[in-house]
């Protein structure tokens, strides 16, 4: 459809009126198109992206307002910090390698074979990653605990007093590898979509079989994505707090995030200069992985024009059901059995009691959802924080996406990089930065946000802004400019055009963004573990506290309830995703 208006504003003969049915204000004289939108977009990027990171670096290098890097070096060279750094690098590297192997198998099985049940399996693997890390750790602990209700019901429970085999380094590596494997699979699914079908057909014409094509064509072509996926898993392991907290802290196996948590919870704000230096170290290690990924993406060269996207080329024949069953068993081991163990713990009156019809009780669910004030408050807080962040970011993402796609020009990449900083760096780094930023009263208003709900909301807005932008930016890139040009020629201002033309078109994508933000923020722990105060507890914080207090059954009930909310949100997202550009939702392969 072409532009329907000439300079005189008259419709050309034989062409459709693009502004038919628009509001009356479109007949007004032309108004400049949102002149302040680029400046507001840059300001928002600096506020949520650059300011927290800059404040953290200043606190580490200039404690008390004077340049004193020796204090930071002293904190980083302590025995506890060195050991925590080695533990962090060790667990992140080993779990990244494990995630790479498992994720590659999942990606290839779903992406290049004709196995059955691809969509449900992909949904299940992504759901297993969307579950909070602390829930995954608690689920695996419950599965292999000596007092496991599930193993007790099956007669497989270890002897009383037996140590849980998942406590310590090995358990952290295993659970993080399983938890981050879908992240690798999603990266490889994106890479598979960039392989032209003609390349596979040419190999088939030369007589190459599926195994040869995979080993000598697909995997070499995917080498950049494989390295990028491993780096993503490594960075995720560096910043992971929930899994090392539940599996490492009980045996004093500390990583940098858990060391920061222990120092801050033990010594309070007085330890801020030291934990700021540790947080900068975490950020630097993660930034090295991010920088390596960016350098790798630049070396990939230009885009490859593809005539047709890659289609499944590996016909499994009689092995087709077996492959589907094998992948289903992997999902059962990764997700089904641990969650079932949690459910059994939540449905029994006490740990160690085998689950049966006689012992079945919903008392723990009633306790945490109906009677305990702190858990009810945490459920309400998590819902409000996640929903508020989702709605605010979805509304802002419409204007942000329009500015990125239409108004910023060469500044777009710089703004995107600044915006992505809080999302790319570990959550513990952002939490320390927010404490430093809002500990003292703010200028002009003289009020401190520390200890209030607003510091958690700010952290969520900063951390999840890039996530909220994904769907609207993808949708905005597919919108032709003739709608906006027609409105401008008839006198619509920029804000009017955003409200009446751009916003309605981007509304479905913005709704998906709101749900995606809600999905990851609802039972988040890494950020809120350091920012909560009495009255602002979140589900992740309460779950961690219940586990530390020895109330594993109540913690299991909270974990199952939170996982059910995540599942419902993902199902709703899946329905809305049908109206979006392809591959916005990671499980829609």
Protein backbone atom coordinates (compact mmCIF):
# COMPACT_ATOMS: atom_id res chain seq x y z
CA UNK A 1 0.00 0.00 0.00
CA UNK A 2 1.51 3.34 -1.08
CA UNK A 3 1.30 6.79 0.45
CA UNK A 4 -2.16 8.13 -0.32
CA UNK A 5 -1.58 11.87 0.09
CA UNK A 6 0.26 14.43 -2.01
CA UNK A 7 1.72 17.66 -0.67
CA UNK A 8 -1.61 19.39 -1.05
CA UNK A 9 -3.21 16.71 1.13
CA UNK A 10 -5.50 15.39 -1.65
CA UNK A 11 -5.90 11.70 -2.29
CA UNK A 12 -4.51 10.44 -5.55
CA UNK A 13 -7.01 8.87 -7.90
CA UNK A 14 -7.44 5.12 -7.60
CA UNK A 15 -5.55 4.83 -4.29
CA UNK A 16 -6.85 3.89 -0.87
CA UNK A 17 -7.27 6.52 1.84
CA UNK A 18 -4.78 5.46 4.54
CA UNK A 19 -6.24 7.86 7.11
CA UNK A 20 -9.87 6.89 6.70
CA UNK A 21 -11.50 6.43 10.08
CA UNK A 22 -8.74 8.19 12.03
CA UNK A 23 -9.68 10.70 14.78
CA UNK A 24 -10.72 14.28 13.84
CA UNK A 25 -7.46 15.81 15.05
CA UNK A 26 -5.73 14.35 11.96
CA UNK A 27 -7.18 17.19 9.94
CA UNK A 28 -5.23 19.74 11.95
CA UNK A 29 -2.13 21.47 10.65
CA UNK A 30 1.15 19.57 10.82
CA UNK A 31 2.94 19.54 14.19
CA UNK A 32 6.58 18.58 14.77
CA UNK A 33 6.85 14.84 15.51
CA UNK A 34 7.62 14.39 19.24
CA UNK A 35 10.78 16.54 19.29
CA UNK A 36 11.66 15.50 22.84
CA UNK A 37 11.27 11.74 22.34
CA UNK A 38 14.92 11.03 21.40
CA UNK A 39 16.16 13.07 24.37
CA UNK A 40 13.77 11.29 26.76
CA UNK A 41 14.86 7.91 25.40
CA UNK A 42 18.54 8.72 25.92
CA UNK A 43 17.78 10.08 29.41
CA UNK A 44 15.92 6.88 30.36
CA UNK A 45 18.82 4.76 29.09
CA UNK A 46 21.28 6.76 31.17
CA UNK A 47 19.07 6.65 34.27
CA UNK A 48 18.40 2.91 34.23
CA UNK A 49 21.58 1.73 32.52
CA UNK A 50 24.58 3.96 33.09
CA UNK A 51 23.86 5.68 36.42
CA UNK A 52 23.73 2.56 38.67
CA UNK A 53 26.88 1.08 37.15
CA UNK A 54 28.75 4.39 37.40
CA UNK A 55 27.71 4.78 41.05
CA UNK A 56 29.00 1.29 41.82
CA UNK A 57 32.39 1.93 40.22
CA UNK A 58 32.76 5.24 42.09
CA UNK A 59 31.95 3.55 45.40
CA UNK A 60 34.56 0.87 44.77
CA UNK A 61 37.35 3.23 43.68
CA UNK A 62 36.42 6.36 45.67
CA UNK A 63 35.05 5.33 49.08
CA UNK A 64 34.32 8.41 51.15
CA UNK A 65 34.74 10.64 48.11
CA UNK A 66 38.51 10.23 47.70
CA UNK A 67 40.36 8.08 45.20
CA UNK A 68 41.56 5.02 47.14
CA UNK A 69 41.92 1.94 44.91
CA UNK A 70 44.14 0.32 47.52
CA UNK A 71 41.07 -0.37 49.70
CA UNK A 72 39.37 -2.15 46.82
CA UNK A 73 42.51 -4.15 46.11
CA UNK A 74 42.72 -5.13 49.78
CA UNK A 75 39.13 -6.39 49.71
CA UNK A 76 39.71 -8.34 46.51
CA UNK A 77 42.95 -9.92 47.71
CA UNK A 78 41.51 -11.30 50.94
CA UNK A 79 41.51 -15.07 51.32
CA UNK A 80 37.71 -15.27 51.30
CA UNK A 81 37.46 -13.20 48.12
CA UNK A 82 40.14 -15.23 46.32
CA UNK A 83 38.47 -18.53 47.27
CA UNK A 84 35.05 -17.23 46.25
CA UNK A 85 36.46 -16.03 42.91
CA UNK A 86 37.99 -19.44 42.22
CA UNK A 87 34.74 -21.18 43.18
CA UNK A 88 32.77 -18.83 40.94
CA UNK A 89 35.00 -19.39 37.92
CA UNK A 90 35.13 -23.13 38.52
CA UNK A 91 31.39 -23.70 38.86
CA UNK A 92 30.52 -21.27 36.05
CA UNK A 93 32.99 -22.86 33.62
CA UNK A 94 32.11 -26.48 34.39
CA UNK A 95 28.36 -25.83 34.37
CA UNK A 96 28.67 -23.92 31.08
CA UNK A 97 30.38 -26.92 29.47
CA UNK A 98 27.69 -29.23 30.80
CA UNK A 99 24.93 -26.88 29.62
CA UNK A 100 26.58 -26.70 26.19
CA UNK A 101 26.49 -30.49 25.77
CA UNK A 102 22.92 -30.92 27.05
CA UNK A 103 21.58 -27.83 25.25
CA UNK A 104 23.17 -28.86 21.94
CA UNK A 105 21.53 -32.27 22.10
CA UNK A 106 18.14 -30.66 22.83
CA UNK A 107 18.54 -28.07 20.06
CA UNK A 108 19.53 -30.57 17.40
CA UNK A 109 16.90 -33.13 18.37
CA UNK A 110 14.13 -30.53 18.15
CA UNK A 111 15.61 -28.45 15.34
CA UNK A 112 16.84 -30.89 12.69
CA UNK A 113 14.89 -34.14 13.22
CA UNK A 114 11.27 -35.07 12.49
CA UNK A 115 10.61 -36.24 16.05
CA UNK A 116 7.11 -35.91 17.44
CA UNK A 117 5.98 -33.46 20.11
CA UNK A 118 8.49 -30.71 19.37
CA UNK A 119 6.37 -27.79 20.59
CA UNK A 120 5.40 -29.31 23.98
CA UNK A 121 8.98 -30.44 24.61
CA UNK A 122 10.40 -27.03 23.71
CA UNK A 123 7.79 -25.40 25.96
CA UNK A 124 8.73 -27.75 28.80
CA UNK A 125 12.46 -27.07 28.53
CA UNK A 126 11.95 -23.30 28.45
CA UNK A 127 9.56 -23.57 31.41
CA UNK A 128 12.24 -25.44 33.35
CA UNK A 129 14.56 -22.46 32.83
CA UNK A 130 11.88 -19.88 33.68
CA UNK A 131 11.49 -21.47 37.10
CA UNK A 132 13.62 -19.51 39.55
CA UNK A 133 17.10 -20.95 40.22
CA UNK A 134 16.36 -21.25 43.92
CA UNK A 135 13.25 -23.30 43.13
CA UNK A 136 15.31 -25.59 40.88
CA UNK A 137 17.91 -26.03 43.63
CA UNK A 138 15.27 -26.71 46.27
CA UNK A 139 13.56 -29.23 43.98
CA UNK A 140 16.75 -31.22 43.40
CA UNK A 141 17.58 -31.07 47.10
CA UNK A 142 14.15 -32.48 47.91
CA UNK A 143 14.53 -35.21 45.29
CA UNK A 144 17.79 -36.62 46.70
CA UNK A 145 17.37 -35.79 50.38
CA UNK A 146 17.50 -38.70 52.87
CA UNK A 147 14.05 -37.67 54.09
CA UNK A 148 12.61 -37.32 50.57
CA UNK A 149 8.90 -38.09 50.62
CA UNK A 150 9.00 -39.22 46.99
CA UNK A 151 11.89 -41.65 47.50
CA UNK A 152 10.30 -42.82 50.73
CA UNK A 153 7.06 -43.63 48.92
CA UNK A 154 9.07 -45.64 46.37
CA UNK A 155 11.17 -47.37 49.04
CA UNK A 156 14.37 -45.78 47.69
CA UNK A 157 15.12 -43.24 50.42
CA UNK A 158 18.76 -43.19 51.65
CA UNK A 159 19.52 -44.10 55.23
CA UNK A 160 18.72 -41.40 57.80
CA UNK A 161 21.67 -39.09 58.41
CA UNK A 162 23.10 -39.57 54.92
CA UNK A 163 24.48 -36.33 53.50
CA UNK A 164 22.67 -34.90 50.51
CA UNK A 165 24.96 -35.54 47.52
CA UNK A 166 24.01 -32.23 45.90
CA UNK A 167 25.49 -30.04 48.64
CA UNK A 168 28.76 -28.48 47.52
CA UNK A 169 30.58 -28.00 44.24
CA UNK A 170 29.29 -31.04 42.38
CA UNK A 171 25.65 -30.26 43.05
CA UNK A 172 26.06 -26.62 42.05
CA UNK A 173 27.69 -27.60 38.74
CA UNK A 174 25.05 -30.24 37.96
CA UNK A 175 21.99 -28.13 38.76
CA UNK A 176 23.35 -25.03 37.01
CA UNK A 177 24.23 -27.09 33.92
CA UNK A 178 20.69 -28.49 33.76
CA UNK A 179 19.15 -25.10 34.51
CA UNK A 180 21.12 -23.22 31.82
CA UNK A 181 20.90 -25.91 29.12
CA UNK A 182 17.69 -24.40 27.62
CA UNK A 183 19.54 -21.09 27.28
CA UNK A 184 22.05 -22.87 25.03
CA UNK A 185 19.23 -24.57 23.10
CA UNK A 186 17.46 -21.26 22.44
CA UNK A 187 20.68 -19.70 21.13
CA UNK A 188 21.22 -22.65 18.79
CA UNK A 189 17.60 -22.57 17.58
CA UNK A 190 18.24 -18.99 16.50
CA UNK A 191 21.37 -20.11 14.67
CA UNK A 192 19.57 -22.98 12.93
CA UNK A 193 17.04 -20.53 11.50
CA UNK A 194 19.90 -18.72 9.72
CA UNK A 195 21.06 -21.82 7.80
CA UNK A 196 19.67 -21.90 4.25
CA UNK A 197 17.81 -25.02 3.21
CA UNK A 198 19.65 -24.95 -0.12
CA UNK A 199 22.92 -25.74 1.70
CA UNK A 200 21.42 -28.95 3.10
CA UNK A 201 19.89 -29.91 -0.24
CA UNK A 202 23.24 -29.47 -1.99
CA UNK A 203 24.87 -31.82 0.51
CA UNK A 204 22.07 -34.35 0.07
CA UNK A 205 22.54 -34.27 -3.71
CA UNK A 206 26.19 -35.20 -3.12
CA UNK A 207 25.05 -38.24 -1.15
CA UNK A 208 25.70 -36.97 2.39
CA UNK A 209 23.62 -38.60 5.12
CA UNK A 210 22.01 -36.80 8.11
CA UNK A 211 24.90 -37.61 10.48
CA UNK A 212 27.47 -36.33 7.98
CA UNK A 213 25.44 -33.15 7.32
CA UNK A 214 25.18 -32.49 11.04
CA UNK A 215 28.85 -33.15 11.79
CA UNK A 216 30.43 -31.52 8.74
CA UNK A 217 27.99 -28.74 7.83
CA UNK A 218 25.51 -27.78 10.56
CA UNK A 219 27.83 -27.85 13.57
CA UNK A 220 30.68 -25.98 11.79
CA UNK A 221 28.18 -23.35 10.60
CA UNK A 222 26.85 -23.12 14.17
CA UNK A 223 30.33 -22.71 15.68
CA UNK A 224 29.80 -18.98 16.46
CA UNK A 225 26.44 -19.74 18.10
CA UNK A 226 27.98 -22.63 20.06
CA UNK A 227 30.69 -20.37 21.46
CA UNK A 228 28.17 -17.60 22.13
CA UNK A 229 25.85 -20.07 23.91
CA UNK A 230 28.70 -21.34 26.08
CA UNK A 231 29.60 -17.75 26.98
CA UNK A 232 25.97 -16.97 27.85
CA UNK A 233 25.83 -20.01 30.13
CA UNK A 234 29.15 -18.97 31.69
CA UNK A 235 27.91 -15.42 32.38
CA UNK A 236 24.65 -16.80 33.80
CA UNK A 237 26.68 -19.06 36.09
CA UNK A 238 28.84 -16.15 37.27
CA UNK A 239 25.82 -14.20 38.47
CA UNK A 240 23.68 -17.08 39.72
CA UNK A 241 22.79 -16.63 43.38
CA UNK A 242 19.89 -19.00 44.11
CA UNK A 243 21.62 -22.28 43.27
CA UNK A 244 24.97 -21.59 45.08
CA UNK A 245 23.02 -20.15 48.02
CA UNK A 246 20.94 -23.29 48.63
CA UNK A 247 23.57 -25.84 47.62
CA UNK A 248 26.79 -24.12 48.68
CA UNK A 249 26.17 -21.94 51.72
CA UNK A 250 25.10 -24.82 54.02
CA UNK A 251 28.57 -26.37 53.54
CA UNK A 252 30.37 -23.00 53.41
CA UNK A 253 31.17 -23.30 49.70
CA UNK A 254 30.88 -19.63 48.73
CA UNK A 255 30.86 -17.98 45.34
CA UNK A 256 31.18 -14.24 44.83
CA UNK A 257 27.39 -13.55 44.86
CA UNK A 258 26.89 -15.58 48.05
CA UNK A 259 29.96 -13.99 49.66
CA UNK A 260 28.53 -10.54 48.91
CA UNK A 261 25.18 -11.58 50.40
CA UNK A 262 26.84 -12.93 53.56
CA UNK A 263 29.00 -9.83 54.03
CA UNK A 264 26.12 -7.42 53.51
CA UNK A 265 23.69 -9.36 55.71
CA UNK A 266 26.31 -9.70 58.47
CA UNK A 267 27.79 -6.19 58.55
CA UNK A 268 25.10 -4.05 56.91
CA UNK A 269 25.80 -0.73 55.13
CA UNK A 270 29.21 -0.44 56.82
CA UNK A 271 30.50 -3.14 54.45
CA UNK A 272 29.34 -1.31 51.31
CA UNK A 273 32.84 -0.23 50.12
CA UNK A 274 34.07 -3.82 50.38
CA UNK A 275 31.01 -5.41 48.74
CA UNK A 276 31.09 -2.72 46.04
CA UNK A 277 34.61 -3.84 45.14
CA UNK A 278 33.45 -7.47 45.09
CA UNK A 279 30.44 -6.51 42.95
CA UNK A 280 32.72 -4.73 40.48
CA UNK A 281 34.82 -7.90 40.30
CA UNK A 282 31.70 -9.95 39.51
CA UNK A 283 30.72 -7.41 36.88
CA UNK A 284 34.18 -7.44 35.30
CA UNK A 285 34.24 -11.22 35.04
CA UNK A 286 30.77 -11.23 33.49
CA UNK A 287 31.71 -8.33 31.21
CA UNK A 288 34.65 -10.32 29.83
CA UNK A 289 32.22 -13.02 28.76
CA UNK A 290 29.84 -10.47 27.25
CA UNK A 291 32.66 -8.70 25.42
CA UNK A 292 33.89 -12.02 24.02
CA UNK A 293 30.39 -12.70 22.73
CA UNK A 294 30.15 -9.27 21.10
CA UNK A 295 33.57 -9.68 19.48
CA UNK A 296 32.49 -13.05 18.18
CA UNK A 297 29.30 -11.62 16.68
CA UNK A 298 31.30 -8.95 14.83
CA UNK A 299 33.53 -11.65 13.30
CA UNK A 300 30.56 -13.49 11.88
CA UNK A 301 30.38 -11.10 8.96
CA UNK A 302 27.27 -9.97 7.15
CA UNK A 303 23.93 -11.66 7.06
CA UNK A 304 23.37 -14.61 4.75
CA UNK A 305 20.42 -14.28 2.40
CA UNK A 306 18.35 -17.44 2.62
CA UNK A 307 15.75 -18.53 0.14
CA UNK A 308 14.08 -20.92 2.56
CA UNK A 309 14.73 -21.51 6.26
CA UNK A 310 16.16 -24.79 7.41
CA UNK A 311 13.69 -27.67 7.49
CA UNK A 312 14.11 -30.90 9.48
CA UNK A 313 16.34 -33.09 7.35
CA UNK A 314 16.98 -36.03 9.69
CA UNK A 315 14.25 -38.61 9.12
CA UNK A 316 14.34 -40.87 12.14
CA UNK A 317 12.14 -43.62 10.76
CA UNK A 318 11.57 -46.41 13.31
CA UNK A 319 13.69 -44.52 15.86
CA UNK A 320 11.29 -41.56 15.86
CA UNK A 321 9.29 -42.63 18.95
CA UNK A 322 12.49 -43.58 20.81
CA UNK A 323 14.03 -40.12 20.31
CA UNK A 324 10.85 -38.44 21.53
CA UNK A 325 10.78 -40.71 24.58
CA UNK A 326 14.48 -40.05 25.31
CA UNK A 327 13.99 -36.30 25.21
CA UNK A 328 10.87 -36.69 27.34
CA UNK A 329 12.87 -38.66 29.91
CA UNK A 330 15.50 -35.91 29.98
CA UNK A 331 12.74 -33.37 30.64
CA UNK A 332 11.33 -35.66 33.32
CA UNK A 333 14.75 -35.84 35.01
CA UNK A 334 15.31 -32.10 34.69
CA UNK A 335 11.84 -30.87 35.61
CA UNK A 336 9.25 -33.55 36.36
CA UNK A 337 10.91 -35.57 39.14
CA UNK A 338 12.32 -32.57 41.06
CA UNK A 339 8.97 -30.76 41.01
CA UNK A 340 7.18 -33.98 41.97
CA UNK A 341 9.55 -34.35 44.92
CA UNK A 342 8.74 -30.79 45.96
CA UNK A 343 5.02 -31.48 45.67
CA UNK A 344 5.35 -34.62 47.80
CA UNK A 345 7.22 -32.66 50.49
CA UNK A 346 4.48 -30.01 50.43
CA UNK A 347 1.69 -32.61 50.73
CA UNK A 348 3.10 -34.60 53.67
CA UNK A 349 2.68 -33.54 57.30
CA UNK A 350 6.42 -33.77 58.07
CA UNK A 351 9.68 -34.52 56.31
CA UNK A 352 10.48 -38.19 56.09
CA UNK A 353 6.83 -39.29 56.10
CA UNK A 354 6.12 -41.30 52.92
CA UNK A 355 3.31 -39.89 50.83
CA UNK A 356 0.12 -41.94 50.92
CA UNK A 357 -3.62 -41.35 50.88
CA UNK A 358 -3.56 -41.44 54.68
CA UNK A 359 -0.73 -38.91 55.05
CA UNK A 360 -1.84 -36.59 52.23
CA UNK A 361 -2.55 -33.08 53.52
CA UNK A 362 -2.87 -29.59 52.07
CA UNK A 363 -2.09 -27.97 55.40
CA UNK A 364 1.26 -26.54 54.26
CA UNK A 365 -0.39 -24.86 51.26
CA UNK A 366 -3.07 -23.43 53.54
CA UNK A 367 -0.39 -22.29 55.97
CA UNK A 368 1.72 -20.35 53.46
CA UNK A 369 -1.13 -19.09 51.25
CA UNK A 370 -3.82 -18.34 53.82
CA UNK A 371 -2.46 -18.14 57.37
CA UNK A 372 1.16 -16.96 57.47
CA UNK A 373 1.27 -13.18 57.24
CA UNK A 374 4.82 -13.00 55.86
CA UNK A 375 4.18 -15.44 53.01
CA UNK A 376 0.88 -13.80 52.11
CA UNK A 377 2.61 -10.43 52.10
CA UNK A 378 5.46 -11.82 49.98
CA UNK A 379 2.99 -13.24 47.48
CA UNK A 380 1.24 -9.89 47.26
CA UNK A 381 4.51 -7.99 46.99
CA UNK A 382 5.89 -10.24 44.25
CA UNK A 383 2.68 -9.94 42.29
CA UNK A 384 2.57 -6.15 42.66
CA UNK A 385 6.27 -5.59 41.92
CA UNK A 386 6.25 -7.89 38.89
CA UNK A 387 2.93 -6.56 37.57
CA UNK A 388 3.89 -2.92 38.08
CA UNK A 389 7.25 -3.44 36.37
CA UNK A 390 5.56 -5.29 33.51
CA UNK A 391 2.90 -2.64 32.91
CA UNK A 392 5.26 0.34 33.23
CA UNK A 393 7.88 -1.22 30.98
CA UNK A 394 5.28 -2.30 28.40
CA UNK A 395 3.91 1.25 28.19
CA UNK A 396 7.38 2.77 28.00
CA UNK A 397 8.53 0.16 25.50
CA UNK A 398 6.09 1.47 22.88
CA UNK A 399 7.69 4.92 22.82
CA UNK A 400 11.16 3.41 23.32
CA UNK A 401 10.73 1.03 20.37
CA UNK A 402 9.47 3.84 18.13
CA UNK A 403 12.42 6.04 19.07
CA UNK A 404 14.95 3.25 18.49
CA UNK A 405 13.50 2.27 15.13
CA UNK A 406 12.62 5.71 13.71
CA UNK A 407 14.31 8.57 15.55
CA UNK A 408 17.74 7.76 17.02
CA UNK A 409 19.64 6.88 13.85
CA UNK A 410 23.34 6.28 14.56
CA UNK A 411 22.79 6.65 18.31
CA UNK A 412 20.58 3.57 18.40
CA UNK A 413 23.32 1.02 19.06
CA UNK A 414 24.89 3.10 21.82
CA UNK A 415 21.51 3.53 23.55
CA UNK A 416 20.82 -0.21 23.26
CA UNK A 417 24.20 -1.09 24.79
CA UNK A 418 23.68 1.27 27.74
CA UNK A 419 20.16 -0.06 28.28
CA UNK A 420 21.33 -3.67 28.27
CA UNK A 421 23.98 -3.17 30.98
CA UNK A 422 21.76 -3.99 34.02
CA UNK A 423 20.27 -7.02 32.24
CA UNK A 424 23.60 -8.41 31.07
CA UNK A 425 25.45 -8.00 34.36
CA UNK A 426 24.67 -10.24 37.35
CA UNK A 427 21.72 -9.22 39.49
CA UNK A 428 23.85 -8.91 42.61
CA UNK A 429 25.86 -6.15 40.88
CA UNK A 430 22.69 -4.18 40.13
CA UNK A 431 21.42 -4.68 43.70
CA UNK A 432 24.60 -3.23 45.24
CA UNK A 433 24.49 -0.36 42.74
CA UNK A 434 20.89 0.45 43.73
CA UNK A 435 21.78 0.40 47.43
CA UNK A 436 24.60 2.85 46.81
CA UNK A 437 22.41 4.99 44.59
CA UNK A 438 19.47 5.31 46.99
CA UNK A 439 20.99 4.85 50.45
CA UNK A 440 21.28 8.60 50.99
CA UNK A 441 18.35 11.00 50.57
CA UNK A 442 17.75 12.02 46.98
CA UNK A 443 18.51 15.60 45.96
CA UNK A 444 15.58 18.06 45.92
CA UNK A 445 13.05 15.70 47.58
CA UNK A 446 15.28 14.77 50.56
CA UNK A 447 13.90 11.22 50.83
CA UNK A 448 15.83 7.96 50.72
CA UNK A 449 14.36 5.07 48.74
CA UNK A 450 16.45 2.49 50.60
CA UNK A 451 14.20 0.10 52.49
CA UNK A 452 11.11 1.09 50.49
CA UNK A 453 9.29 -0.82 47.75
CA UNK A 454 10.45 1.75 45.20
CA UNK A 455 14.08 0.61 45.25
CA UNK A 456 12.98 -2.91 44.23
CA UNK A 457 10.70 -1.47 41.54
CA UNK A 458 13.54 0.68 40.18
CA UNK A 459 15.84 -2.34 40.09
CA UNK A 460 13.21 -4.34 38.21
CA UNK A 461 12.66 -1.52 35.72
CA UNK A 462 16.39 -1.21 35.09
CA UNK A 463 17.04 -4.95 34.86
CA UNK A 464 14.10 -5.96 32.67
CA UNK A 465 13.89 -2.99 30.28
CA UNK A 466 15.82 -4.84 27.52
CA UNK A 467 13.49 -7.82 27.92
CA UNK A 468 10.45 -5.56 27.59
CA UNK A 469 11.84 -4.02 24.40
CA UNK A 470 12.33 -7.28 22.52
CA UNK A 471 8.79 -7.86 21.21
CA UNK A 472 7.86 -4.18 20.50
CA UNK A 473 11.15 -3.54 18.64
CA UNK A 474 10.61 -6.68 16.56
CA UNK A 475 7.06 -5.59 15.77
CA UNK A 476 8.10 -1.98 15.04
CA UNK A 477 10.71 -3.18 12.54
CA UNK A 478 7.92 -4.79 10.49
CA UNK A 479 5.68 -1.71 10.39
CA UNK A 480 5.94 0.32 7.19
CA UNK A 481 6.34 4.05 7.61
CA UNK A 482 3.49 5.08 5.30
CA UNK A 483 0.93 5.08 8.15
CA UNK A 484 3.00 7.62 10.07
CA UNK A 485 3.78 9.70 6.98
CA UNK A 486 0.13 9.91 6.03
CA UNK A 487 -0.78 11.03 9.55
CA UNK A 488 1.97 13.66 9.62
CA UNK A 489 0.92 15.10 6.24
CA UNK A 490 -2.56 15.54 7.64
CA UNK A 491 -1.26 17.40 10.68
CA UNK A 492 -0.87 14.76 13.40
CA UNK A 493 1.72 15.54 16.06
CA UNK A 494 4.26 13.01 17.23
CA UNK A 495 2.57 12.26 20.55
CA UNK A 496 -0.82 11.96 18.81
CA UNK A 497 0.67 9.58 16.29
CA UNK A 498 2.19 7.48 19.07
CA UNK A 499 -1.13 7.32 20.89
CA UNK A 500 -3.52 6.68 18.01
CA UNK A 501 -1.41 4.89 15.39
CA UNK A 502 1.79 3.34 16.79
CA UNK A 503 0.43 2.29 20.20
CA UNK A 504 -2.58 0.31 18.86
CA UNK A 505 -0.34 -1.52 16.38
CA UNK A 506 2.26 -2.36 19.05
CA UNK A 507 -0.31 -3.19 21.77
CA UNK A 508 -0.14 -7.00 21.30
CA UNK A 509 3.67 -6.94 21.42
CA UNK A 510 3.57 -4.69 24.51
CA UNK A 511 1.16 -7.11 26.21
CA UNK A 512 3.60 -9.95 25.57
CA UNK A 513 6.41 -7.79 26.99
CA UNK A 514 4.40 -7.17 30.15
CA UNK A 515 3.83 -10.90 30.61
CA UNK A 516 7.48 -11.74 29.90
CA UNK A 517 8.65 -9.23 32.53
CA UNK A 518 6.08 -10.57 35.00
CA UNK A 519 7.28 -14.08 34.23
CA UNK A 520 10.92 -13.48 35.19
CA UNK A 521 10.28 -10.94 37.97
CA UNK A 522 7.59 -12.82 39.90
CA UNK A 523 9.88 -15.18 41.83
CA UNK A 524 13.19 -13.37 41.26
CA UNK A 525 15.72 -13.59 44.11
CA UNK A 526 19.13 -12.31 42.99
CA UNK A 527 18.16 -8.63 43.10
CA UNK A 528 15.57 -8.61 45.87
CA UNK A 529 17.71 -10.71 48.25
CA UNK A 530 19.83 -7.61 48.93
CA UNK A 531 17.13 -4.94 48.56
CA UNK A 532 14.23 -6.21 50.66
CA UNK A 533 13.34 -4.93 54.11
CA UNK A 534 10.59 -5.72 56.58
CA UNK A 535 7.32 -5.41 54.69
CA UNK A 536 8.84 -5.68 51.21
CA UNK A 537 9.70 -9.39 51.18
CA UNK A 538 9.31 -11.20 47.86
CA UNK A 539 8.54 -14.85 47.19
CA UNK A 540 12.17 -15.64 46.42
CA UNK A 541 13.32 -14.09 49.69
CA UNK A 542 10.67 -15.91 51.75
CA UNK A 543 11.45 -19.25 50.08
CA UNK A 544 15.15 -18.82 50.88
CA UNK A 545 14.36 -17.80 54.47
CA UNK A 546 12.01 -20.75 55.02
CA UNK A 547 14.65 -23.16 53.76
CA UNK A 548 17.31 -21.64 56.02
CA UNK A 549 14.89 -21.92 58.96
CA UNK A 550 14.42 -25.65 58.34
CA UNK A 551 10.83 -25.32 57.09
CA UNK A 552 11.42 -27.27 53.91
CA UNK A 553 7.78 -28.32 53.50
CA UNK A 554 6.52 -24.75 53.65
CA UNK A 555 9.28 -23.69 51.24
CA UNK A 556 8.17 -26.46 48.89
CA UNK A 557 4.57 -25.21 49.01
CA UNK A 558 5.73 -21.71 48.12
CA UNK A 559 7.90 -23.06 45.28
CA UNK A 560 5.06 -25.13 43.79
CA UNK A 561 2.65 -22.19 44.01
CA UNK A 562 5.13 -19.85 42.31
CA UNK A 563 5.84 -22.42 39.58
CA UNK A 564 2.10 -22.77 38.92
CA UNK A 565 1.83 -19.00 38.40
CA UNK A 566 4.77 -19.09 35.98
CA UNK A 567 3.17 -21.95 34.05
CA UNK A 568 -0.12 -20.06 33.72
CA UNK A 569 1.70 -16.93 32.53
CA UNK A 570 3.61 -18.93 29.92
CA UNK A 571 0.42 -20.56 28.64
CA UNK A 572 -1.17 -17.12 28.30
CA UNK A 573 1.95 -15.88 26.50
CA UNK A 574 1.76 -18.83 24.14
CA UNK A 575 -1.78 -17.85 23.12
CA UNK A 576 -0.84 -14.20 22.64
CA UNK A 577 2.30 -15.19 20.73
CA UNK A 578 0.25 -16.28 17.75
CA UNK A 579 -0.29 -12.61 16.89
CA UNK A 580 3.41 -11.73 17.03
CA UNK A 581 6.29 -12.00 14.57
CA UNK A 582 7.78 -15.48 14.51
CA UNK A 583 10.28 -16.59 17.14
CA UNK A 584 9.60 -13.75 19.61
CA UNK A 585 8.68 -16.44 22.13
CA UNK A 586 11.66 -18.80 22.53
CA UNK A 587 9.67 -22.04 22.69
CA UNK A 588 7.79 -21.44 19.43
CA UNK A 589 10.37 -23.25 17.27
